[in-house]
Every structure is written in C-alpha cells, then in structure tokens.
Amino acid sequence: MTGDSRVALMSVTLQTPEGVMRGRVEVDTGPMRLAELVPTAFELTNVLVAQAHRREVHAGRHVSCRARCAACCHHMVAISPPEAFYLQDLIDSFEPAHRDEVMSRMSRIAGELERLQMIDELLNPEYVDEAVLPIARKYFLLGMACPFLVDELCSIHLHRPVVCREYNVTSPAELCVDPIANDIDKVPMPLPLTVPLARLTAELSGESPRLIPIPLIPRWIADHQELRHKQWPGLELFRNFIRILGPQAESQY
C-alpha cells in the first residue's frame, strides 16, 4: 500500500509478442467506477508505448509525430466505454463556458453525422478491432477535427485516450495528411488496450463490446447513465481487466 490506504501499488507482468513487460501501477482499492480505471490504463499504455519507442530506436527508426501535426486528430477516434465516461467526467469538470463550447462542438459534429445517417453505423458493436477500418476511412474523408483540437493542439493532452497515446508513426509526418493514399508506418503496439477495456465493459454490462467515436460520447452516455455511475471493488475491477488482457497477464501487490 501507499500512503493513501485506498491505493495499492500493483506489480504487473504482461507477456507481449515482443517479450515480457513489467511495470507498477497505482490502483484504487475502494469502490471504483469504470471511469476511475482509466488512469491505470493510461499508466500501462505509457509503459507499452515507451517499450515500443525503444524498439524503434534500436532498429534505427524514430517517431516523427510532433506538436501541431494534428492530422491524426481528424481521424475517427473511437474509444472504450470507460474512457467515454472518463472524458465526460472531464468535460463536466470544466468551467461552464469551456464546457458549453466543447459540448457545442460535439453536438455540431453529431448533427452532421446524423444528417449523413452514419450514427447507427458508427455505434455498431460489430466495429471492434480491424472491423472498424472501413467506417473509420469514411469518417476521415469528412475532414472533421476532434472536438478537443484547439489551434492544432490537443487541449486535453494529459487526458487523451489510449488510442491517441498508442498512435505514433515513423514515416514522414507530411504523409499523415492523407493516410488512405499514403503508406503510413505506424509504430506497432505490443498490447493495445482500447479493445480490452471495451470487452471488460461488455462482460460487466451484458452488452456487446463496442467503441464510441468521441463526438458521440454524450449521446451514448445518455443511454448508459446507470453503468456510468455503477461501482465495483477497485482491485476486482483491475484484476478483471488484467485477466482480459490474456492468460499471460499477472498482477500482485
């Protein structure tokens, strides 16, 4: 335990395709909502991203992503339900004018998607893993920026979703302007975490796993308020998440 009696420092061992990854993460041992698992997922993702970057450097490649590139901020950023709850909590914490501005951006994008009759397709639970790629390409061609993009910078960089943390490239940054026509060399992640978070939610809720495009967060959460506020014992929630990562995953104090 740490100085906070509700927080346990957990050692995690994950067998990835590139070898064993070991790390330590803080876990709230008290009652926990799904949103409160997300910072732990961020910590694990940061460790995995650092491992992936070291591999690229060892191979003589370097990540070309830079501030204000922002091409990836025009992709369909589809996140897990726990991250949707987490981001809505973040938005709700903003001062009113800022909160209203972000919600207005989301509403405008959602309205355009509704006009194009894309909502049901975007929230289709079959679009998990590689199945999401066709609709993701369709979304990218609309040229709509993430509602959190301000002056070509991520306004929530410290709180950005797992998929944003995982998205790094070694090909020239200018190629990212058109990832459909150009060959983009993405840095392979040893163990992506977005889908496991979605599968954990599905297991707990009895629904199918699904990913939620950021502009549709308010719309989706409106139908899942009970799940948003439901609590589980923190260690139980964490260990279930680790279990879903695979039989090779282990955790201990």
C-alpha atoms as a PDB file:
ATOM      1  CA  MET A   1       0.000   0.000   0.000  1.00  0.00           C
ATOM      2  CA  THR A   2       0.998   3.644  -0.486  1.00  0.00           C
ATOM      3  CA  GLY A   3       0.425   6.486   1.974  1.00  0.00           C
ATOM      4  CA  ASP A   4      -3.202   6.566   0.850  1.00  0.00           C
ATOM      5  CA  SER A   5      -4.793   3.485   2.453  1.00  0.00           C
ATOM      6  CA  ARG A   6      -7.173   3.194  -0.533  1.00  0.00           C
ATOM      7  CA  VAL A   7      -4.372   2.954  -3.074  1.00  0.00           C
ATOM      8  CA  ALA A   8      -2.383  -0.219  -3.782  1.00  0.00           C
ATOM      9  CA  LEU A   9       0.814  -0.256  -5.806  1.00  0.00           C
ATOM     10  CA  MET A  10       0.430  -3.255  -8.101  1.00  0.00           C
ATOM     11  CA  SER A  11       3.200  -5.060  -9.962  1.00  0.00           C
ATOM     12  CA  VAL A  12       2.075  -6.127 -13.424  1.00  0.00           C
ATOM     13  CA  THR A  13       3.707  -8.680 -15.713  1.00  0.00           C
ATOM     14  CA  LEU A  14       2.480  -8.916 -19.301  1.00  0.00           C
ATOM     15  CA  GLN A  15       3.729 -11.355 -21.916  1.00  0.00           C
ATOM     16  CA  THR A  16       3.638  -9.368 -25.159  1.00  0.00           C
ATOM     17  CA  PRO A  17       4.641 -10.533 -28.662  1.00  0.00           C
ATOM     18  CA  GLU A  18       7.915  -8.692 -28.067  1.00  0.00           C
ATOM     19  CA  GLY A  19       8.685 -10.217 -24.710  1.00  0.00           C
ATOM     20  CA  VAL A  20       7.800  -9.711 -21.094  1.00  0.00           C
ATOM     21  CA  MET A  21       6.787  -6.262 -19.908  1.00  0.00           C
ATOM     22  CA  ARG A  22       6.887  -5.432 -16.222  1.00  0.00           C
ATOM     23  CA  GLY A  23       5.558  -2.328 -14.552  1.00  0.00           C
ATOM     24  CA  ARG A  24       3.976  -0.953 -11.410  1.00  0.00           C
ATOM     25  CA  VAL A  25       0.688   0.935 -11.350  1.00  0.00           C
ATOM     26  CA  GLU A  26      -1.428   2.513  -8.642  1.00  0.00           C
ATOM     27  CA  VAL A  27      -4.916   1.058  -8.162  1.00  0.00           C
ATOM     28  CA  ASP A  28      -7.705   2.460  -6.002  1.00  0.00           C
ATOM     29  CA  THR A  29      -8.813  -0.355  -3.696  1.00  0.00           C
ATOM     30  CA  GLY A  30     -12.079   1.304  -2.713  1.00  0.00           C
ATOM     31  CA  PRO A  31     -15.341   1.368  -4.677  1.00  0.00           C
ATOM     32  CA  MET A  32     -14.488   2.256  -8.274  1.00  0.00           C
ATOM     33  CA  ARG A  33     -16.421   3.311 -11.346  1.00  0.00           C
ATOM     34  CA  LEU A  34     -15.260   2.231 -14.791  1.00  0.00           C
ATOM     35  CA  ALA A  35     -14.051   5.787 -15.445  1.00  0.00           C
ATOM     36  CA  GLU A  36     -11.715   5.501 -12.466  1.00  0.00           C
ATOM     37  CA  LEU A  37      -9.928   2.521 -14.032  1.00  0.00           C
ATOM     38  CA  VAL A  38      -8.849   4.673 -16.970  1.00  0.00           C
ATOM     39  CA  PRO A  39      -5.822   6.412 -15.330  1.00  0.00           C
ATOM     40  CA  THR A  40      -4.409   2.950 -14.605  1.00  0.00           C
ATOM     41  CA  ALA A  41      -4.929   2.002 -18.272  1.00  0.00           C
ATOM     42  CA  PHE A  42      -3.109   5.212 -19.203  1.00  0.00           C
ATOM     43  CA  GLU A  43      -0.170   4.215 -16.999  1.00  0.00           C
ATOM     44  CA  LEU A  44       0.042   0.774 -18.600  1.00  0.00           C
ATOM     45  CA  THR A  45      -0.251   2.291 -22.071  1.00  0.00           C
ATOM     46  CA  ASN A  46       2.563   4.744 -21.364  1.00  0.00           C
ATOM     47  CA  VAL A  47       4.816   1.837 -20.349  1.00  0.00           C
ATOM     48  CA  LEU A  48       3.893  -0.081 -23.511  1.00  0.00           C
ATOM     49  CA  VAL A  49       4.430   2.976 -25.725  1.00  0.00           C
ATOM     50  CA  ALA A  50       7.863   3.557 -24.172  1.00  0.00           C
ATOM     51  CA  GLN A  51       8.748  -0.068 -24.894  1.00  0.00           C
ATOM     52  CA  ALA A  52       7.584   0.302 -28.500  1.00  0.00           C
ATOM     53  CA  HIS A  53       9.617   3.511 -28.928  1.00  0.00           C
ATOM     54  CA  ARG A  54      12.775   1.829 -27.595  1.00  0.00           C
ATOM     55  CA  ARG A  55      12.309  -0.943 -30.147  1.00  0.00           C
ATOM     56  CA  GLU A  56      12.019   1.604 -32.976  1.00  0.00           C
ATOM     57  CA  VAL A  57      15.135   3.477 -31.879  1.00  0.00           C
ATOM     58  CA  HIS A  58      17.048   0.196 -31.613  1.00  0.00           C
ATOM     59  CA  ALA A  59      16.001  -0.551 -35.221  1.00  0.00           C
ATOM     60  CA  GLY A  60      17.209   2.878 -36.375  1.00  0.00           C
ATOM     61  CA  ARG A  61      13.764   4.431 -36.737  1.00  0.00           C
ATOM     62  CA  HIS A  62      12.438   7.496 -34.967  1.00  0.00           C
ATOM     63  CA  VAL A  63       8.922   8.671 -34.204  1.00  0.00           C
ATOM     64  CA  SER A  64       8.074  11.648 -36.438  1.00  0.00           C
ATOM     65  CA  CYS A  65       4.980  12.865 -34.553  1.00  0.00           C
ATOM     66  CA  ARG A  66       5.278  16.489 -33.451  1.00  0.00           C
ATOM     67  CA  ALA A  67       3.091  19.144 -31.850  1.00  0.00           C
ATOM     68  CA  ARG A  68       0.679  20.746 -34.346  1.00  0.00           C
ATOM     69  CA  CYS A  69       0.879  17.838 -36.815  1.00  0.00           C
ATOM     70  CA  ALA A  70      -2.778  17.226 -35.913  1.00  0.00           C
ATOM     71  CA  ALA A  71      -3.552  15.008 -38.924  1.00  0.00           C
ATOM     72  CA  CYS A  72      -4.423  12.149 -36.587  1.00  0.00           C
ATOM     73  CA  CYS A  73      -6.862  14.492 -34.811  1.00  0.00           C
ATOM     74  CA  HIS A  74      -9.083  14.305 -37.899  1.00  0.00           C
ATOM     75  CA  HIS A  75      -9.396  10.532 -37.662  1.00  0.00           C
ATOM     76  CA  MET A  76     -12.375   8.789 -36.129  1.00  0.00           C
ATOM     77  CA  VAL A  77     -11.083   8.443 -32.577  1.00  0.00           C
ATOM     78  CA  ALA A  78     -13.119   5.517 -31.258  1.00  0.00           C
ATOM     79  CA  ILE A  79     -12.684   4.879 -27.547  1.00  0.00           C
ATOM     80  CA  SER A  80     -13.821   2.334 -24.972  1.00  0.00           C
ATOM     81  CA  PRO A  81     -16.837   2.943 -22.706  1.00  0.00           C
ATOM     82  CA  PRO A  82     -14.682   3.526 -19.585  1.00  0.00           C
ATOM     83  CA  GLU A  83     -12.810   6.241 -21.490  1.00  0.00           C
ATOM     84  CA  ALA A  84     -16.112   7.750 -22.657  1.00  0.00           C
ATOM     85  CA  PHE A  85     -17.191   8.025 -19.014  1.00  0.00           C
ATOM     86  CA  TYR A  86     -13.776   9.426 -18.101  1.00  0.00           C
ATOM     87  CA  LEU A  87     -13.901  12.118 -20.787  1.00  0.00           C
ATOM     88  CA  GLN A  88     -17.458  13.082 -19.894  1.00  0.00           C
ATOM     89  CA  ASP A  89     -16.327  13.453 -16.265  1.00  0.00           C
ATOM     90  CA  LEU A  90     -13.512  15.678 -17.529  1.00  0.00           C
ATOM     91  CA  ILE A  91     -15.884  17.815 -19.597  1.00  0.00           C
ATOM     92  CA  ASP A  92     -18.239  18.140 -16.636  1.00  0.00           C
ATOM     93  CA  SER A  93     -15.317  19.461 -14.565  1.00  0.00           C
ATOM     94  CA  PHE A  94     -14.653  22.339 -16.980  1.00  0.00           C
ATOM     95  CA  GLU A  95     -15.808  25.818 -16.091  1.00  0.00           C
ATOM     96  CA  PRO A  96     -19.245  26.425 -17.676  1.00  0.00           C
ATOM     97  CA  ALA A  97     -18.196  28.453 -20.735  1.00  0.00           C
ATOM     98  CA  HIS A  98     -15.497  25.953 -21.681  1.00  0.00           C
ATOM     99  CA  ARG A  99     -17.813  23.003 -21.061  1.00  0.00           C
ATOM    100  CA  ASP A 100     -20.534  24.535 -23.220  1.00  0.00           C
ATOM    101  CA  GLU A 101     -18.041  25.204 -26.011  1.00  0.00           C
ATOM    102  CA  VAL A 102     -16.807  21.589 -26.088  1.00  0.00           C
ATOM    103  CA  MET A 103     -20.328  20.183 -25.890  1.00  0.00           C
ATOM    104  CA  SER A 104     -21.385  22.511 -28.713  1.00  0.00           C
ATOM    105  CA  ARG A 105     -18.564  21.212 -30.927  1.00  0.00           C
ATOM    106  CA  MET A 106     -19.620  17.645 -30.198  1.00  0.00           C
ATOM    107  CA  SER A 107     -23.237  18.464 -30.937  1.00  0.00           C
ATOM    108  CA  ARG A 108     -22.358  20.051 -34.303  1.00  0.00           C
ATOM    109  CA  ILE A 109     -20.336  17.019 -35.366  1.00  0.00           C
ATOM    110  CA  ALA A 110     -23.021  14.601 -34.149  1.00  0.00           C
ATOM    111  CA  GLY A 111     -25.613  16.613 -36.076  1.00  0.00           C
ATOM    112  CA  GLU A 112     -23.610  16.290 -39.290  1.00  0.00           C
ATOM    113  CA  LEU A 113     -23.164  12.546 -38.721  1.00  0.00           C
ATOM    114  CA  GLU A 114     -26.887  12.231 -38.154  1.00  0.00           C
ATOM    115  CA  ARG A 115     -27.590  14.160 -41.374  1.00  0.00           C
ATOM    116  CA  LEU A 116     -25.356  11.676 -43.205  1.00  0.00           C
ATOM    117  CA  GLN A 117     -27.159   8.769 -41.489  1.00  0.00           C
ATOM    118  CA  MET A 118     -23.914   7.455 -40.006  1.00  0.00           C
ATOM    119  CA  ILE A 119     -24.832   7.271 -36.311  1.00  0.00           C
ATOM    120  CA  ASP A 120     -26.061   3.664 -36.241  1.00  0.00           C
ATOM    121  CA  GLU A 121     -23.088   2.557 -38.306  1.00  0.00           C
ATOM    122  CA  LEU A 122     -20.615   4.330 -36.025  1.00  0.00           C
ATOM    123  CA  LEU A 123     -22.122   2.777 -32.898  1.00  0.00           C
ATOM    124  CA  ASN A 124     -22.389  -0.706 -34.395  1.00  0.00           C
ATOM    125  CA  PRO A 125     -20.984  -3.173 -31.819  1.00  0.00           C
ATOM    126  CA  GLU A 126     -19.513  -5.232 -34.653  1.00  0.00           C
ATOM    127  CA  TYR A 127     -16.984  -2.470 -35.258  1.00  0.00           C
ATOM    128  CA  VAL A 128     -14.268  -3.583 -32.885  1.00  0.00           C
ATOM    129  CA  ASP A 129     -10.644  -4.307 -33.837  1.00  0.00           C
ATOM    130  CA  GLU A 130      -9.966  -4.328 -37.595  1.00  0.00           C
ATOM    131  CA  ALA A 131     -13.688  -4.315 -38.467  1.00  0.00           C
ATOM    132  CA  VAL A 132     -13.765  -0.598 -37.691  1.00  0.00           C
ATOM    133  CA  LEU A 133     -11.432   0.357 -40.550  1.00  0.00           C
ATOM    134  CA  PRO A 134     -13.981   0.910 -43.404  1.00  0.00           C
ATOM    135  CA  ILE A 135     -16.166   3.260 -41.357  1.00  0.00           C
ATOM    136  CA  ALA A 136     -13.042   4.935 -39.980  1.00  0.00           C
ATOM    137  CA  ARG A 137     -11.920   5.741 -43.535  1.00  0.00           C
ATOM    138  CA  LYS A 138     -15.391   7.060 -44.375  1.00  0.00           C
ATOM    139  CA  TYR A 139     -15.278   9.299 -41.295  1.00  0.00           C
ATOM    140  CA  PHE A 140     -11.782  10.617 -42.115  1.00  0.00           C
ATOM    141  CA  LEU A 141     -12.921  11.750 -45.558  1.00  0.00           C
ATOM    142  CA  LEU A 142     -15.426  14.093 -43.870  1.00  0.00           C
ATOM    143  CA  GLY A 143     -12.481  16.210 -42.656  1.00  0.00           C
ATOM    144  CA  MET A 144     -13.936  16.874 -39.196  1.00  0.00           C
ATOM    145  CA  ALA A 145     -11.496  17.700 -36.403  1.00  0.00           C
ATOM    146  CA  CYS A 146     -11.681  16.224 -32.919  1.00  0.00           C
ATOM    147  CA  PRO A 147     -13.778  18.485 -30.664  1.00  0.00           C
ATOM    148  CA  PHE A 148     -10.789  18.727 -28.326  1.00  0.00           C
ATOM    149  CA  LEU A 149      -8.465  20.093 -31.041  1.00  0.00           C
ATOM    150  CA  VAL A 150      -7.765  23.800 -30.466  1.00  0.00           C
ATOM    151  CA  ASP A 151      -5.275  25.765 -32.604  1.00  0.00           C
ATOM    152  CA  GLU A 152      -3.980  22.450 -33.982  1.00  0.00           C
ATOM    153  CA  LEU A 153      -3.117  21.234 -30.478  1.00  0.00           C
ATOM    154  CA  CYS A 154      -4.824  18.664 -28.259  1.00  0.00           C
ATOM    155  CA  SER A 155      -6.466  20.637 -25.470  1.00  0.00           C
ATOM    156  CA  ILE A 156      -6.671  17.527 -23.251  1.00  0.00           C
ATOM    157  CA  HIS A 157      -3.244  16.060 -23.993  1.00  0.00           C
ATOM    158  CA  LEU A 158      -2.660  14.789 -20.445  1.00  0.00           C
ATOM    159  CA  HIS A 159      -6.070  13.093 -20.545  1.00  0.00           C
ATOM    160  CA  ARG A 160      -6.021  11.889 -24.171  1.00  0.00           C
ATOM    161  CA  PRO A 161      -7.475   8.409 -24.832  1.00  0.00           C
ATOM    162  CA  VAL A 162      -5.483   5.211 -25.035  1.00  0.00           C
ATOM    163  CA  VAL A 163      -5.730   5.049 -28.837  1.00  0.00           C
ATOM    164  CA  CYS A 164      -4.225   8.544 -29.134  1.00  0.00           C
ATOM    165  CA  ARG A 165      -1.313   7.553 -26.893  1.00  0.00           C
ATOM    166  CA  GLU A 166      -0.746   4.438 -28.985  1.00  0.00           C
ATOM    167  CA  TYR A 167      -0.808   6.215 -32.359  1.00  0.00           C
ATOM    168  CA  ASN A 168       2.754   7.040 -33.379  1.00  0.00           C
ATOM    169  CA  VAL A 169       4.405   6.921 -36.788  1.00  0.00           C
ATOM    170  CA  THR A 170       7.937   6.738 -38.143  1.00  0.00           C
ATOM    171  CA  SER A 171       7.079   7.733 -41.713  1.00  0.00           C
ATOM    172  CA  PRO A 172       7.398  11.440 -42.667  1.00  0.00           C
ATOM    173  CA  ALA A 173       4.774  13.492 -40.831  1.00  0.00           C
ATOM    174  CA  GLU A 174       3.527  15.131 -44.031  1.00  0.00           C
ATOM    175  CA  LEU A 175       2.272  11.763 -45.304  1.00  0.00           C
ATOM    176  CA  CYS A 176      -0.285  11.644 -42.494  1.00  0.00           C
ATOM    177  CA  VAL A 177      -2.359  14.303 -44.243  1.00  0.00           C
ATOM    178  CA  ASP A 178      -3.720  11.529 -46.471  1.00  0.00           C
ATOM    179  CA  PRO A 179      -3.294   8.166 -44.701  1.00  0.00           C
ATOM    180  CA  ILE A 180      -5.562   6.485 -47.240  1.00  0.00           C
ATOM    181  CA  ALA A 181      -3.403   7.290 -50.267  1.00  0.00           C
ATOM    182  CA  ASN A 182      -0.054   7.182 -48.475  1.00  0.00           C
ATOM    183  CA  ASP A 183       1.745   4.337 -46.763  1.00  0.00           C
ATOM    184  CA  ILE A 184       1.955   5.250 -43.090  1.00  0.00           C
ATOM    185  CA  ASP A 185       4.455   3.396 -40.922  1.00  0.00           C
ATOM    186  CA  LYS A 186       2.678   3.123 -37.592  1.00  0.00           C
ATOM    187  CA  VAL A 187       4.636   2.018 -34.563  1.00  0.00           C
ATOM    188  CA  PRO A 188       3.211  -1.425 -33.697  1.00  0.00           C
ATOM    189  CA  MET A 189       1.941  -1.640 -30.145  1.00  0.00           C
ATOM    190  CA  PRO A 190       2.855  -4.792 -28.220  1.00  0.00           C
ATOM    191  CA  LEU A 191      -0.528  -4.892 -26.473  1.00  0.00           C
ATOM    192  CA  PRO A 192      -3.244  -2.351 -27.437  1.00  0.00           C
ATOM    193  CA  LEU A 193      -5.613  -1.677 -24.528  1.00  0.00           C
ATOM    194  CA  THR A 194      -8.690   0.020 -26.037  1.00  0.00           C
ATOM    195  CA  VAL A 195     -10.489  -3.188 -27.022  1.00  0.00           C
ATOM    196  CA  PRO A 196      -9.731  -4.982 -23.709  1.00  0.00           C
ATOM    197  CA  LEU A 197     -11.355  -2.035 -21.901  1.00  0.00           C
ATOM    198  CA  ALA A 198     -14.387  -2.402 -24.177  1.00  0.00           C
ATOM    199  CA  ARG A 199     -14.519  -6.145 -23.515  1.00  0.00           C
ATOM    200  CA  LEU A 200     -14.330  -5.604 -19.768  1.00  0.00           C
ATOM    201  CA  THR A 201     -17.339  -3.275 -20.017  1.00  0.00           C
ATOM    202  CA  ALA A 202     -19.232  -5.818 -22.098  1.00  0.00           C
ATOM    203  CA  GLU A 203     -18.553  -8.537 -19.548  1.00  0.00           C
ATOM    204  CA  LEU A 204     -19.801  -6.347 -16.696  1.00  0.00           C
ATOM    205  CA  SER A 205     -22.821  -4.910 -18.507  1.00  0.00           C
ATOM    206  CA  GLY A 206     -24.008  -7.883 -20.559  1.00  0.00           C
ATOM    207  CA  GLU A 207     -23.887  -5.797 -23.754  1.00  0.00           C
ATOM    208  CA  SER A 208     -21.741  -6.416 -26.814  1.00  0.00           C
ATOM    209  CA  PRO A 209     -18.266  -4.836 -26.866  1.00  0.00           C
ATOM    210  CA  ARG A 210     -18.310  -1.505 -28.642  1.00  0.00           C
ATOM    211  CA  LEU A 211     -16.171   1.524 -29.367  1.00  0.00           C
ATOM    212  CA  ILE A 212     -17.569   5.059 -29.252  1.00  0.00           C
ATOM    213  CA  PRO A 213     -16.397   7.919 -31.512  1.00  0.00           C
ATOM    214  CA  ILE A 214     -15.560  10.925 -29.335  1.00  0.00           C
ATOM    215  CA  PRO A 215     -18.254  13.264 -30.759  1.00  0.00           C
ATOM    216  CA  LEU A 216     -20.914  10.681 -29.883  1.00  0.00           C
ATOM    217  CA  ILE A 217     -19.911  10.350 -26.216  1.00  0.00           C
ATOM    218  CA  PRO A 218     -22.813  12.469 -24.839  1.00  0.00           C
ATOM    219  CA  ARG A 219     -25.352  10.636 -26.995  1.00  0.00           C
ATOM    220  CA  TRP A 220     -24.109   7.190 -25.937  1.00  0.00           C
ATOM    221  CA  ILE A 221     -23.767   8.082 -22.252  1.00  0.00           C
ATOM    222  CA  ALA A 222     -27.325   9.442 -22.153  1.00  0.00           C
ATOM    223  CA  ASP A 223     -28.462   5.820 -22.542  1.00  0.00           C
ATOM    224  CA  HIS A 224     -25.884   4.424 -20.084  1.00  0.00           C
ATOM    225  CA  GLN A 225     -26.116   6.619 -17.008  1.00  0.00           C
ATOM    226  CA  GLU A 226     -26.619   3.673 -14.659  1.00  0.00           C
ATOM    227  CA  LEU A 227     -23.469   1.973 -15.970  1.00  0.00           C
ATOM    228  CA  ARG A 228     -21.590   5.271 -15.769  1.00  0.00           C
ATOM    229  CA  HIS A 229     -22.192   5.569 -12.022  1.00  0.00           C
ATOM    230  CA  LYS A 230     -22.082   1.893 -11.022  1.00  0.00           C
ATOM    231  CA  GLN A 231     -19.207   0.891  -8.724  1.00  0.00           C
ATOM    232  CA  TRP A 232     -17.160  -2.281  -8.179  1.00  0.00           C
ATOM    233  CA  PRO A 233     -14.359  -3.072  -5.703  1.00  0.00           C
ATOM    234  CA  GLY A 234     -11.252  -1.470  -7.189  1.00  0.00           C
ATOM    235  CA  LEU A 235      -8.956  -4.498  -7.016  1.00  0.00           C
ATOM    236  CA  GLU A 236     -11.665  -6.713  -8.510  1.00  0.00           C
ATOM    237  CA  LEU A 237     -12.142  -4.334 -11.421  1.00  0.00           C
ATOM    238  CA  PHE A 238      -8.402  -4.076 -12.016  1.00  0.00           C
ATOM    239  CA  ARG A 239      -7.821  -7.823 -11.837  1.00  0.00           C
ATOM    240  CA  ASN A 240     -10.680  -8.496 -14.248  1.00  0.00           C
ATOM    241  CA  PHE A 241      -9.099  -6.039 -16.672  1.00  0.00           C
ATOM    242  CA  ILE A 242      -5.716  -7.748 -16.339  1.00  0.00           C
ATOM    243  CA  ARG A 243      -7.393 -11.141 -16.862  1.00  0.00           C
ATOM    244  CA  ILE A 244      -8.995  -9.911 -20.092  1.00  0.00           C
ATOM    245  CA  LEU A 245      -5.575  -8.851 -21.351  1.00  0.00           C
ATOM    246  CA  GLY A 246      -4.838 -12.567 -21.544  1.00  0.00           C
ATOM    247  CA  PRO A 247      -3.803 -15.617 -19.552  1.00  0.00           C
ATOM    248  CA  GLN A 248      -0.224 -14.362 -19.612  1.00  0.00           C
ATOM    249  CA  ALA A 249      -1.107 -11.296 -17.558  1.00  0.00           C
ATOM    250  CA  GLU A 250      -0.338 -11.304 -13.850  1.00  0.00           C
ATOM    251  CA  SER A 251      -0.732  -8.782 -11.070  1.00  0.00           C
ATOM    252  CA  GLN A 252       0.285  -8.684  -7.427  1.00  0.00           C
ATOM    253  CA  TYR A 253       0.957  -6.249  -4.599  1.00  0.00           C
END
